[in-house]
Amino acid sequence: MVSTAEALESKYVSVDLVKRNVKRDAVILTEGEYALTDYGRKLSLLVDYLGKQLTLRLNKDSVKSLDTAYGSDTKSWVGRRVFFTTYNVKGKE
């Protein structure tokens, strides 16, 4: 038998992934880069979450929080721990 679990895994930190797990923190591994998405250019970082290297795409609020905490140079974010929370915005989580 071959399990489908690996095929169903995403390479991104998602709301569903965070909600399904008790662990709510990750460690930033890279200074990141900008990626073009359907929603414009988004800052993406590689993080260690649940023992896996996953991509974390940051929204403006998350960038502001990290900028305030660690400065505007993302190199200073590497090795820092981030904590995930989820909340509804306009009925969407």
Protein backbone atom coordinates (compact mmCIF):
# COMPACT_ATOMS: atom_id res chain seq x y z
CA MET A 1 0.00 0.00 0.00
CA VAL A 2 1.19 3.51 -0.79
CA SER A 3 -0.03 6.34 1.43
CA THR A 4 -1.36 9.50 -0.23
CA ALA A 5 -0.29 11.70 2.71
CA GLU A 6 2.88 12.93 1.00
CA ALA A 7 1.02 13.80 -2.20
CA LEU A 8 -1.52 15.84 -0.24
CA GLU A 9 1.06 17.89 1.67
CA SER A 10 1.64 21.49 0.69
CA LYS A 11 5.00 23.23 0.58
CA TYR A 12 3.39 26.28 2.22
CA VAL A 13 2.33 27.17 5.75
CA SER A 14 -1.44 27.46 5.43
CA VAL A 15 -4.29 28.38 7.76
CA ASP A 16 -5.54 24.79 7.60
CA LEU A 17 -2.12 23.42 8.54
CA VAL A 18 -1.81 25.77 11.53
CA LYS A 19 -5.37 25.03 12.70
CA ARG A 20 -4.78 21.25 12.53
CA ASN A 21 -1.69 21.39 14.77
CA VAL A 22 -1.08 22.30 18.39
CA LYS A 23 2.37 23.68 17.56
CA ARG A 24 1.98 27.35 16.65
CA ASP A 25 5.56 28.51 16.19
CA ALA A 26 8.25 28.24 13.53
CA VAL A 27 11.84 29.39 13.02
CA ILE A 28 12.76 31.61 10.09
CA LEU A 29 15.49 29.95 7.99
CA THR A 30 16.09 32.42 5.13
CA GLU A 31 15.97 36.15 4.53
CA GLY A 32 13.31 35.49 1.91
CA GLU A 33 12.49 36.81 -1.50
CA TYR A 34 9.58 38.41 -3.27
CA ALA A 35 7.29 36.16 -5.31
CA LEU A 36 4.65 37.28 -7.78
CA THR A 37 1.25 35.88 -6.79
CA ASP A 38 -2.34 36.40 -7.88
CA TYR A 39 -2.46 39.07 -5.15
CA GLY A 40 0.69 40.95 -6.16
CA ARG A 41 4.26 40.64 -4.93
CA LYS A 42 4.48 38.85 -1.57
CA LEU A 43 7.49 38.38 0.67
CA SER A 44 8.12 34.65 1.09
CA LEU A 45 10.38 33.11 3.74
CA LEU A 46 11.50 29.54 4.31
CA VAL A 47 10.63 28.41 7.84
CA ASP A 48 11.08 25.28 9.93
CA TYR A 49 7.57 24.27 10.99
CA LEU A 50 6.66 20.83 12.32
CA GLY A 51 10.15 19.61 11.44
CA LYS A 52 9.69 20.52 7.77
CA GLN A 53 11.03 23.33 5.64
CA LEU A 54 7.96 25.19 4.37
CA THR A 55 7.36 28.49 2.60
CA LEU A 56 5.62 31.22 4.57
CA ARG A 57 4.05 33.99 2.47
CA LEU A 58 3.59 37.09 4.56
CA ASN A 59 0.69 39.53 4.37
CA LYS A 60 1.20 43.24 5.10
CA ASP A 61 0.24 42.92 8.76
CA SER A 62 2.76 40.11 9.29
CA VAL A 63 5.51 42.10 7.56
CA LYS A 64 4.72 45.12 9.77
CA SER A 65 4.89 42.98 12.91
CA LEU A 66 8.22 41.41 11.97
CA ASP A 67 9.61 44.79 10.86
CA THR A 68 8.67 46.31 14.22
CA ALA A 69 10.10 43.39 16.19
CA TYR A 70 13.30 42.67 14.24
CA GLY A 71 13.94 45.57 11.85
CA SER A 72 13.51 46.17 8.13
CA ASP A 73 16.48 44.06 7.00
CA THR A 74 15.13 40.52 6.69
CA LYS A 75 18.62 39.12 7.27
CA SER A 76 18.10 39.99 10.94
CA TRP A 77 14.98 37.79 10.97
CA VAL A 78 16.90 34.57 10.27
CA GLY A 79 16.88 32.30 13.31
CA ARG A 80 13.99 34.18 14.93
CA ARG A 81 10.89 32.38 16.14
CA VAL A 82 7.49 33.42 14.78
CA PHE A 83 4.12 32.53 16.30
CA PHE A 84 1.02 31.80 14.25
CA THR A 85 -2.49 32.94 15.08
CA THR A 86 -5.61 32.73 12.96
CA TYR A 87 -8.61 35.05 12.93
CA ASN A 88 -11.55 35.86 10.70
CA VAL A 89 -11.41 38.84 8.37
CA LYS A 90 -14.66 39.57 6.55
CA GLY A 91 -15.86 36.04 7.25
CA LYS A 92 -12.69 34.44 5.85
CA GLU A 93 -9.90 32.92 7.95
